[in-house]
Protein backbone atom coordinates (compact mmCIF):
# COMPACT_ATOMS: atom_id res chain seq x y z
CA MET A 1 93.81 -82.50 219.58
CA ASP A 2 95.26 -79.00 219.27
CA ARG A 3 94.08 -77.57 215.96
CA SER A 4 95.72 -74.20 216.41
CA LEU A 5 97.12 -72.43 213.36
CA ASN A 6 99.20 -70.02 215.44
CA ASN A 7 102.24 -68.67 213.57
CA CYS A 8 100.94 -70.07 210.25
CA ARG A 9 101.03 -67.66 207.35
CA ILE A 10 98.46 -68.40 204.68
CA LEU A 11 98.31 -66.66 201.31
CA MET A 12 94.72 -66.51 200.02
CA LEU A 13 93.92 -65.75 196.37
CA HIS A 14 90.52 -64.89 194.96
CA GLY A 15 89.49 -64.03 191.41
CA SER A 16 86.75 -61.52 192.11
CA SER A 17 86.17 -58.43 194.23
CA ASP A 18 82.37 -58.58 194.31
CA LEU A 19 80.18 -59.63 197.22
CA TYR A 20 78.34 -62.57 195.67
CA GLY A 21 78.40 -66.16 196.94
CA ALA A 22 82.02 -67.20 196.45
CA SER A 23 83.28 -63.88 197.83
CA LYS A 24 81.06 -64.15 200.90
CA MET A 25 82.47 -67.60 201.56
CA PHE A 26 85.98 -66.21 201.03
CA LEU A 27 85.34 -63.79 203.89
CA LEU A 28 84.08 -66.59 206.12
CA SER A 29 87.11 -68.68 205.24
CA ILE A 30 89.39 -65.87 206.38
CA LYS A 31 87.45 -65.53 209.65
CA SER A 32 87.79 -69.27 210.15
CA LEU A 33 91.57 -69.16 209.81
CA GLN A 34 91.93 -66.03 211.91
CA SER A 35 89.89 -67.64 214.69
CA LYS A 36 92.53 -70.38 214.85
CA GLY A 37 95.40 -67.89 215.02
CA ALA A 38 96.58 -67.88 211.40
CA GLU A 39 98.01 -64.77 209.77
CA VAL A 40 96.21 -64.18 206.47
CA ILE A 41 97.63 -62.42 203.42
CA VAL A 42 95.19 -61.77 200.56
CA VAL A 43 95.79 -60.99 196.90
CA LEU A 44 92.93 -59.89 194.63
CA SER A 45 93.06 -58.98 190.96
CA GLU A 46 91.09 -55.75 191.31
CA TYR A 47 89.38 -53.32 193.63
CA GLY A 48 85.70 -53.76 194.44
CA PRO A 49 83.16 -54.01 197.30
CA LEU A 50 85.04 -56.98 198.76
CA VAL A 51 88.02 -54.75 199.57
CA ASP A 52 86.13 -52.79 202.24
CA GLU A 53 85.06 -56.03 203.93
CA LEU A 54 88.62 -57.34 203.90
CA ASN A 55 89.89 -54.12 205.45
CA LEU A 56 87.45 -54.65 208.31
CA LEU A 57 89.10 -58.01 208.93
CA GLN A 58 92.49 -56.26 209.03
CA VAL A 59 94.15 -58.65 206.61
CA ASP A 60 97.34 -57.87 204.74
CA LEU A 61 95.72 -57.01 201.39
CA HIS A 62 97.41 -56.65 198.00
CA ILE A 63 95.95 -55.92 194.54
CA TYR A 64 97.74 -57.54 191.61
CA LYS A 65 96.45 -59.05 188.36
CA LEU A 66 96.38 -62.83 188.87
CA GLY A 67 95.41 -63.88 185.34
CA ILE A 68 91.93 -65.11 186.21
CA ILE A 69 90.47 -67.58 183.71
CA ARG A 70 87.27 -66.19 182.13
CA ARG A 71 85.36 -67.27 179.04
CA LYS A 72 85.95 -63.89 177.43
CA TYR A 73 89.62 -64.87 177.05
CA PHE A 74 88.84 -67.97 174.96
CA ASN A 75 90.48 -66.63 171.81
CA ALA A 76 94.03 -66.32 170.54
CA LYS A 77 94.55 -62.77 171.82
CA GLY A 78 92.86 -63.54 175.13
CA LEU A 79 94.88 -66.70 175.80
CA LEU A 80 98.13 -64.85 175.12
CA ASN A 81 97.00 -62.17 177.54
CA ARG A 82 96.32 -64.79 180.23
CA LEU A 83 99.68 -66.49 179.73
CA LEU A 84 101.60 -63.24 180.09
CA THR A 85 99.52 -62.08 183.06
CA ILE A 86 99.90 -65.40 184.87
CA ARG A 87 103.64 -65.35 184.23
CA ARG A 88 103.95 -61.91 185.84
CA ALA A 89 101.70 -62.97 188.73
CA LYS A 90 103.81 -66.07 189.32
CA ALA A 91 106.94 -63.96 189.74
CA TYR A 92 105.12 -61.50 192.02
CA LEU A 93 103.64 -64.21 194.24
CA SER A 94 106.86 -66.24 194.39
CA LYS A 95 108.66 -63.21 195.77
CA MET A 96 105.84 -62.67 198.28
CA VAL A 97 105.96 -66.30 199.44
CA SER A 98 109.68 -66.03 200.03
CA GLU A 99 109.63 -62.64 201.77
CA LYS A 100 106.61 -63.32 203.97
CA LYS A 101 107.55 -66.94 204.67
CA ILE A 102 104.17 -68.29 203.52
CA ASP A 103 103.26 -71.77 204.81
CA LEU A 104 100.30 -72.54 202.50
CA ILE A 105 98.56 -71.05 199.47
CA TYR A 106 94.77 -71.17 199.14
CA SER A 107 93.07 -70.51 195.78
CA ASN A 108 89.37 -69.72 195.80
CA THR A 109 87.64 -71.15 192.66
CA SER A 110 89.09 -72.99 189.67
CA ALA A 111 89.59 -69.70 187.82
CA VAL A 112 92.69 -68.97 189.94
CA LEU A 113 95.48 -71.18 188.60
CA VAL A 114 98.62 -69.24 189.40
CA GLY A 115 98.61 -70.08 193.13
CA GLY A 116 99.07 -73.77 192.45
CA TRP A 117 102.06 -73.20 190.21
CA VAL A 118 103.69 -70.93 192.77
CA ALA A 119 103.10 -73.47 195.55
CA LYS A 120 104.60 -76.21 193.39
CA LYS A 121 107.65 -74.08 192.66
CA MET A 122 108.12 -73.06 196.30
CA LYS A 123 107.38 -76.59 197.59
CA ILE A 124 104.58 -75.62 199.97
CA PRO A 125 101.02 -77.03 200.29
CA HIS A 126 98.26 -75.69 198.07
CA VAL A 127 94.48 -75.90 198.59
CA THR A 128 91.95 -75.24 195.82
CA HIS A 129 88.37 -74.46 196.81
CA LEU A 130 85.94 -75.42 194.05
CA HIS A 131 82.69 -73.44 193.91
CA GLU A 132 81.77 -74.28 190.33
CA ILE A 133 80.37 -76.98 188.11
CA ILE A 134 81.68 -76.94 184.54
CA LYS A 135 79.77 -79.00 182.00
CA SER A 136 81.07 -77.44 178.81
CA PRO A 137 83.35 -76.99 177.12
CA ASN A 138 84.59 -80.34 178.40
CA TRP A 139 88.16 -79.59 177.31
CA LEU A 140 88.21 -76.65 179.74
CA ARG A 141 86.97 -78.79 182.64
CA LYS A 142 89.59 -81.43 181.90
CA PHE A 143 92.37 -78.87 181.50
CA LEU A 144 91.54 -77.06 184.73
CA GLY A 145 91.00 -80.33 186.57
CA LYS A 146 94.38 -81.71 185.55
CA MET A 147 96.13 -78.48 186.54
CA ILE A 148 94.36 -78.45 189.92
CA ASN A 149 95.12 -82.13 190.50
CA TYR A 150 98.81 -81.60 189.70
CA THR A 151 99.30 -78.50 191.85
CA SER A 152 96.96 -79.06 194.81
CA SER A 153 97.57 -80.94 198.05
CA LYS A 154 93.86 -80.81 198.85
CA VAL A 155 90.71 -79.78 196.99
CA LEU A 156 87.60 -78.57 198.81
CA ALA A 157 84.21 -79.02 197.12
CA VAL A 158 81.16 -77.02 198.21
CA SER A 159 78.68 -79.78 197.32
CA GLN A 160 78.47 -83.42 196.30
CA ALA A 161 77.43 -82.21 192.84
CA VAL A 162 80.71 -80.28 192.56
CA LYS A 163 82.69 -83.27 193.79
CA GLU A 164 81.10 -85.53 191.18
CA ASN A 165 81.67 -82.99 188.40
CA TRP A 166 85.43 -82.98 188.97
CA GLY A 167 85.90 -86.54 190.23
CA ASP A 168 87.14 -88.00 186.94
CA VAL A 169 89.98 -85.47 186.53
CA ILE A 170 90.96 -84.81 190.15
CA ALA A 171 92.05 -87.65 192.43
CA VAL A 172 89.06 -88.55 194.61
CA GLU A 173 91.25 -88.91 197.72
CA LYS A 174 92.23 -85.24 197.38
CA ILE A 175 88.64 -83.93 197.33
CA GLU A 176 86.93 -83.11 200.60
CA LEU A 177 83.29 -82.03 200.85
CA VAL A 178 82.81 -78.90 202.97
CA TYR A 179 79.32 -77.42 202.77
CA ASN A 180 79.01 -73.65 202.83
CA GLY A 181 77.47 -72.01 205.85
CA ILE A 182 76.03 -68.56 206.48
CA ASP A 183 75.60 -66.16 209.36
CA GLN A 184 71.88 -66.68 209.85
CA SER A 185 71.47 -63.78 212.28
CA LYS A 186 71.30 -61.22 209.44
CA TYR A 187 68.34 -63.00 207.88
CA LEU A 188 66.17 -63.66 210.91
CA GLN A 189 64.46 -60.27 210.89
CA SER A 190 61.42 -59.47 208.78
CA GLY A 191 60.59 -56.11 207.22
CA ASN A 192 58.68 -54.22 204.55
CA GLN A 193 61.59 -52.26 203.09
CA LEU A 194 61.32 -53.88 199.65
CA ARG A 195 57.55 -53.54 199.44
CA ASN A 196 57.79 -49.89 200.45
CA GLU A 197 60.54 -49.29 197.90
CA LEU A 198 58.56 -50.77 195.04
CA SER A 199 55.51 -48.69 196.06
CA LYS A 200 53.34 -50.21 193.33
CA PRO A 201 52.46 -53.51 195.03
CA THR A 202 49.60 -53.54 197.53
CA ASP A 203 49.66 -55.55 200.75
CA SER A 204 47.92 -58.39 198.90
CA THR A 205 50.52 -58.48 196.10
CA ILE A 206 52.72 -61.56 196.17
CA LEU A 207 56.38 -60.69 195.59
CA ILE A 208 58.41 -63.32 193.73
CA GLY A 209 62.11 -62.68 193.18
CA MET A 210 65.60 -63.87 192.34
CA VAL A 211 69.03 -62.57 193.36
CA ALA A 212 71.96 -63.59 191.15
CA ARG A 213 74.71 -62.45 188.85
CA VAL A 214 73.37 -61.51 185.43
CA ASN A 215 74.98 -64.01 183.08
CA GLN A 216 74.13 -66.61 180.48
CA TRP A 217 73.21 -69.43 182.84
CA LYS A 218 71.79 -67.95 186.06
CA GLY A 219 68.38 -67.98 184.40
CA GLN A 220 67.13 -64.38 184.34
CA ASN A 221 65.48 -64.97 180.95
CA TYR A 222 63.98 -68.24 182.17
CA PHE A 223 62.64 -66.38 185.20
CA LEU A 224 61.06 -63.87 182.81
CA ASP A 225 59.46 -66.68 180.79
CA ILE A 226 57.94 -68.12 183.96
CA ALA A 227 56.80 -64.67 185.09
CA LYS A 228 54.96 -64.04 181.81
CA ILE A 229 53.01 -67.27 182.17
CA LEU A 230 52.13 -66.60 185.80
CA SER A 231 51.08 -63.01 185.07
CA HIS A 232 48.42 -64.26 182.71
CA GLU A 233 47.10 -66.67 185.34
CA HIS A 234 47.26 -64.45 188.44
CA ASP A 235 46.54 -60.73 188.86
CA ASN A 236 48.27 -60.20 192.22
CA LEU A 237 51.94 -60.80 191.40
CA HIS A 238 55.02 -58.63 191.17
CA PHE A 239 58.44 -59.96 190.17
CA VAL A 240 61.87 -58.75 191.28
CA ILE A 241 65.33 -59.36 189.80
CA ALA A 242 68.46 -58.23 191.67
CA GLY A 243 72.09 -58.55 190.57
CA ASP A 244 74.59 -57.10 188.14
CA ALA A 245 77.04 -58.54 185.60
CA TYR A 246 80.74 -59.34 185.71
CA PRO A 247 82.92 -56.40 184.65
CA GLY A 248 83.23 -56.53 180.87
CA THR A 249 79.85 -58.22 180.39
CA GLU A 250 77.62 -55.27 181.23
CA TYR A 251 75.94 -55.74 177.86
CA LEU A 252 74.06 -58.66 179.43
CA VAL A 253 72.31 -56.21 181.74
CA ASP A 254 71.38 -54.04 178.76
CA GLU A 255 69.95 -57.12 177.03
CA LEU A 256 68.00 -58.07 180.14
CA ILE A 257 66.50 -54.59 180.52
CA LEU A 258 65.49 -54.64 176.85
CA ALA A 259 63.86 -58.05 177.31
CA LEU A 260 61.91 -56.73 180.31
CA ARG A 261 60.65 -53.78 178.27
CA LYS A 262 59.48 -56.09 175.49
CA SER A 263 57.98 -58.68 177.84
CA GLY A 264 54.49 -57.25 178.00
CA ILE A 265 54.62 -57.34 181.81
CA GLU A 266 56.99 -54.42 182.33
CA ASN A 267 54.73 -52.93 185.00
CA GLN A 268 54.76 -56.19 186.95
CA ILE A 269 58.51 -56.73 187.10
CA THR A 270 61.31 -54.63 188.61
CA TYR A 271 65.05 -54.88 187.97
CA LEU A 272 66.95 -53.61 191.03
CA GLY A 273 70.51 -54.00 189.76
CA TYR A 274 73.32 -54.65 192.21
CA ARG A 275 72.28 -54.54 195.86
CA SER A 276 74.32 -54.95 199.02
CA ASP A 277 71.20 -55.28 201.20
CA VAL A 278 70.31 -58.80 200.10
CA GLU A 279 68.80 -59.59 203.49
CA ALA A 280 66.31 -56.73 203.10
CA ILE A 281 65.31 -57.92 199.64
CA LEU A 282 64.83 -61.51 200.77
CA SER A 283 62.85 -60.37 203.80
CA GLY A 284 60.40 -58.59 201.51
CA LEU A 285 59.81 -61.51 199.16
CA ASP A 286 57.04 -64.07 199.50
CA ILE A 287 58.72 -66.66 197.24
CA PHE A 288 62.39 -66.95 196.22
CA VAL A 289 63.34 -68.48 192.87
CA LEU A 290 66.69 -69.83 191.70
CA PRO A 291 66.09 -70.47 187.96
CA SER A 292 69.63 -71.49 186.90
CA ILE A 293 69.54 -73.25 183.53
CA LEU A 294 72.89 -74.94 184.25
CA PRO A 295 73.82 -76.70 187.52
CA ASP A 296 74.57 -74.23 190.30
CA PRO A 297 77.22 -75.64 192.70
CA LEU A 298 75.83 -74.58 196.10
CA PRO A 299 74.20 -71.17 195.64
CA THR A 300 74.55 -69.05 198.76
CA THR A 301 71.37 -67.13 197.92
CA VAL A 302 69.35 -70.31 198.47
CA LEU A 303 70.75 -70.59 202.00
CA GLU A 304 70.07 -66.90 202.57
CA ALA A 305 66.49 -67.25 201.35
CA MET A 306 65.93 -70.30 203.55
CA ALA A 307 67.40 -68.46 206.54
CA SER A 308 64.94 -65.66 205.75
CA ALA A 309 62.12 -68.22 206.09
CA LYS A 310 61.16 -68.04 202.43
CA PRO A 311 60.03 -71.05 200.39
CA VAL A 312 62.59 -71.73 197.65
CA ILE A 313 61.80 -72.72 194.08
CA ALA A 314 64.99 -74.01 192.43
CA THR A 315 65.86 -75.81 189.23
CA SER A 316 66.43 -79.50 189.85
CA HIS A 317 70.16 -79.88 189.33
CA GLY A 318 73.45 -79.05 191.00
CA GLY A 319 73.78 -78.21 194.67
CA ALA A 320 70.17 -77.04 194.97
CA LYS A 321 69.11 -80.69 195.18
CA GLU A 322 71.23 -81.01 198.34
CA MET A 323 69.74 -77.88 199.89
CA VAL A 324 66.06 -77.79 199.00
CA LEU A 325 63.87 -80.64 200.27
CA ASP A 326 61.33 -80.99 197.48
CA GLY A 327 57.83 -80.58 198.90
CA GLU A 328 59.12 -79.61 202.37
CA THR A 329 61.24 -76.44 202.14
CA GLY A 330 60.19 -75.56 198.60
CA PHE A 331 59.94 -77.19 195.20
CA LEU A 332 62.38 -78.32 192.54
CA ILE A 333 61.39 -77.37 188.99
CA PRO A 334 62.66 -78.29 185.50
CA TRP A 335 65.27 -75.96 183.99
CA ASP A 336 63.80 -76.15 180.51
CA ASN A 337 60.00 -76.11 180.87
CA ALA A 338 58.61 -72.72 181.90
CA LYS A 339 55.00 -73.89 181.71
CA LYS A 340 55.56 -76.74 184.16
CA ALA A 341 57.68 -74.52 186.41
CA ALA A 342 54.87 -71.95 186.50
CA SER A 343 52.33 -74.60 187.45
CA ILE A 344 54.50 -75.66 190.41
CA LEU A 345 54.95 -72.05 191.50
CA SER A 346 51.18 -71.62 191.40
CA ILE A 347 50.88 -74.13 194.25
CA LEU A 348 52.59 -71.62 196.53
CA ILE A 349 50.89 -68.60 195.01
CA ASN A 350 47.50 -70.11 195.85
CA ASN A 351 48.44 -71.32 199.34
CA PRO A 352 49.81 -68.72 201.80
CA GLN A 353 49.83 -71.27 204.64
CA LYS A 354 52.11 -73.55 202.64
CA ARG A 355 54.44 -70.64 201.92
CA VAL A 356 54.80 -69.97 205.64
CA ALA A 357 55.22 -73.64 206.56
CA MET A 358 57.86 -74.26 203.88
CA GLY A 359 59.70 -71.10 204.85
CA LYS A 360 59.88 -72.18 208.48
CA ALA A 361 61.07 -75.67 207.48
CA GLY A 362 63.77 -74.09 205.30
CA ARG A 363 65.00 -71.89 208.14
CA ASP A 364 65.17 -74.90 210.47
CA ARG A 365 67.17 -76.81 207.84
CA VAL A 366 69.73 -74.03 207.45
CA LEU A 367 70.17 -73.72 211.20
CA GLU A 368 70.77 -77.46 211.49
CA HIS A 369 72.86 -78.29 208.43
CA PHE A 370 74.39 -75.08 207.04
CA SER A 371 75.39 -73.09 210.10
CA ILE A 372 78.28 -70.66 210.12
CA GLN A 373 79.71 -72.44 213.16
CA ALA A 374 79.98 -75.74 211.28
CA TYR A 375 81.62 -74.08 208.29
CA LEU A 376 84.16 -72.15 210.35
CA GLU A 377 85.25 -75.33 212.13
CA ASN A 378 85.23 -77.62 209.09
CA PHE A 379 87.14 -75.20 206.87
CA SER A 380 89.91 -74.46 209.35
CA TYR A 381 90.25 -78.17 210.12
CA ALA A 382 90.67 -78.96 206.43
CA ILE A 383 93.50 -76.43 206.23
CA TYR A 384 95.01 -77.71 209.47
CA LYS A 385 95.07 -81.30 208.16
CA THR A 386 96.80 -80.12 205.00
CA LEU A 387 99.50 -78.29 206.93
CA VAL A 388 100.32 -80.97 209.50
CA LYS A 389 100.81 -83.78 206.96
């Protein structure tokens, strides 16, 4: 069957300009479509690190406020702002669809609603790619789900956990599971860059770290709670936190830094801030931790850590349960019991052979089940099926 997308023009919308998980997958999605001959037009709400990567792909890039749904707008003034911004974006995108003869609109994440309304108005297919699990407020999940169900021809879910989260408000027959994949080649090399940068740790120091956006649910404070317990039980540990906050929530970083200073283990923990060299950080760690206190859909950093041959400790909910094989590639821990989580981590701290074995098993699992090749093919085929109906 010919799955070519030659002469297809696809408008792709994304709500962020960072280079975290959803944005990395956005780049891969574009590569997938381009490999099948599609012409890609991208609209972002703002400038950021993602822009340089998009320019390398030579896409037709536009910056225009799309009215992205964020929690900070959950007030009377904020909701009015979103309504007006979405209204302007709808007019802007409708004109673009008409002038550029767009065949399909793709919206990356549930926070981008305007694409669906434009597609409905212009009578063209619309695909929503869900990267998130929303537990509360439930009214928001139901509202977004109903809007997505009404405006989307197809909905892609990055994990079974995501599919189940939205399955009661989005028609099940519309939802297709497409696991994320990563380019493993960047993570296959080992190095001492991180250890050299930190300078304090000796060769015998075990480096334990997390890489994630600084927000209310990614678990930086939970990670700190676990670190404090472990520091009292082991004298050869150093902890690393990498990641910054969404624009407008920088105060969360200030709060985190203050918490680190008051932790009593300030000399044993380093906050690196935003880093583009994630592969170098992961290469330098001995153990990777994903301490999300709410379900994480399918965190890309877990795949990156596994590709780096690091054992992964992840909280036992969301997409992590589909990625980490408990007891084989790492361990699943509770999201609300730092003492128990620390005791599980101690198994790896005390057993370097197990760390190596689990890391190798994790790398093998990524290569087999979460390859970039599989994602590129599965994503483009999902778009192809939507267009040919």
